[in-house]
């Protein structure tokens, strides 16, 4: 079983997106609490990323795999980091 700190979390975000800002704030707090790395990627900075995720931002990836989008489901997110 991996510890939360062993995971890499990526938030695919967009400038001016209030849901993205909410997710970034909460993931930042959880990162400080649980110790996982957090990377932010602008969906509009890469054409392939925009084609894949543009209509679903914010998108949360755990270790490169899509975990969820539009909003952070905190209980589900915590369980995923425990597994």
Protein backbone atom coordinates (compact mmCIF):
# COMPACT_ATOMS: atom_id res chain seq x y z
CA UNK A 1 0.00 0.00 0.00
CA UNK A 2 1.32 3.43 -0.93
CA UNK A 3 1.30 6.36 1.46
CA UNK A 4 -0.38 9.56 0.30
CA UNK A 5 3.04 11.21 0.06
CA UNK A 6 4.10 8.61 -2.55
CA UNK A 7 1.44 9.80 -5.00
CA UNK A 8 1.66 12.55 -7.59
CA UNK A 9 -1.49 14.61 -8.07
CA UNK A 10 -2.02 16.78 -11.13
CA UNK A 11 -4.73 19.38 -11.47
CA UNK A 12 -5.59 20.39 -15.02
CA UNK A 13 -6.95 23.88 -14.73
CA UNK A 14 -7.87 27.00 -16.69
CA UNK A 15 -7.39 30.69 -15.99
CA UNK A 16 -10.65 32.30 -14.90
CA UNK A 17 -12.34 29.02 -13.91
CA UNK A 18 -13.88 29.32 -10.44
CA UNK A 19 -14.24 25.54 -10.05
CA UNK A 20 -10.53 25.24 -10.87
CA UNK A 21 -9.67 27.84 -8.25
CA UNK A 22 -11.73 25.98 -5.64
CA UNK A 23 -10.08 22.66 -6.50
CA UNK A 24 -6.60 24.22 -6.48
CA UNK A 25 -7.16 25.77 -3.06
CA UNK A 26 -8.47 22.55 -1.50
CA UNK A 27 -5.87 20.32 -3.13
CA UNK A 28 -3.17 22.70 -1.86
CA UNK A 29 -4.52 22.30 1.68
CA UNK A 30 -4.68 18.51 1.30
CA UNK A 31 -1.16 18.43 -0.12
CA UNK A 32 0.13 20.27 2.95
CA UNK A 33 -1.80 17.88 5.21
CA UNK A 34 -1.03 14.58 3.47
CA UNK A 35 2.31 15.31 1.81
CA UNK A 36 1.60 14.41 -1.83
CA UNK A 37 3.13 16.37 -4.70
CA UNK A 38 0.79 18.68 -6.57
CA UNK A 39 1.35 19.86 -10.13
CA UNK A 40 -0.84 22.39 -11.93
CA UNK A 41 -1.25 22.26 -15.71
CA UNK A 42 -3.07 24.85 -17.81
CA UNK A 43 -5.43 23.01 -20.14
CA UNK A 44 -5.10 25.72 -22.77
CA UNK A 45 -1.28 25.62 -22.88
CA UNK A 46 -1.20 22.36 -24.84
CA UNK A 47 -3.41 21.51 -27.83
CA UNK A 48 -3.59 17.77 -27.05
CA UNK A 49 -4.45 18.47 -23.43
CA UNK A 50 -7.12 20.97 -24.51
CA UNK A 51 -8.61 18.46 -26.95
CA UNK A 52 -8.86 15.82 -24.24
CA UNK A 53 -9.87 17.81 -21.16
CA UNK A 54 -11.14 21.25 -22.19
CA UNK A 55 -14.83 20.61 -21.49
CA UNK A 56 -14.21 18.93 -18.11
CA UNK A 57 -11.86 21.24 -16.18
CA UNK A 58 -10.83 21.05 -13.48
CA UNK A 59 -9.55 17.50 -13.98
CA UNK A 60 -7.71 15.65 -11.21
CA UNK A 61 -5.13 13.00 -12.10
CA UNK A 62 -3.54 10.69 -9.55
CA UNK A 63 -0.24 9.24 -10.75
CA UNK A 64 -1.16 10.19 -14.31
CA UNK A 65 -4.56 8.46 -14.30
CA UNK A 66 -7.77 10.46 -14.43
CA UNK A 67 -9.45 10.43 -11.03
CA UNK A 68 -12.27 12.94 -11.48
CA UNK A 69 -13.39 16.23 -12.93
CA UNK A 70 -15.50 19.33 -12.24
CA UNK A 71 -15.23 19.01 -8.48
CA UNK A 72 -13.10 17.36 -5.83
CA UNK A 73 -14.90 14.50 -4.11
CA UNK A 74 -12.74 14.65 -1.02
CA UNK A 75 -13.70 11.34 0.62
CA UNK A 76 -13.19 9.44 -2.65
CA UNK A 77 -9.92 11.30 -3.25
CA UNK A 78 -8.59 10.41 0.21
CA UNK A 79 -9.49 6.75 -0.33
CA UNK A 80 -7.68 6.72 -3.66
CA UNK A 81 -4.51 8.04 -2.00
CA UNK A 82 -4.72 5.36 0.68
CA UNK A 83 -4.85 2.54 -1.88
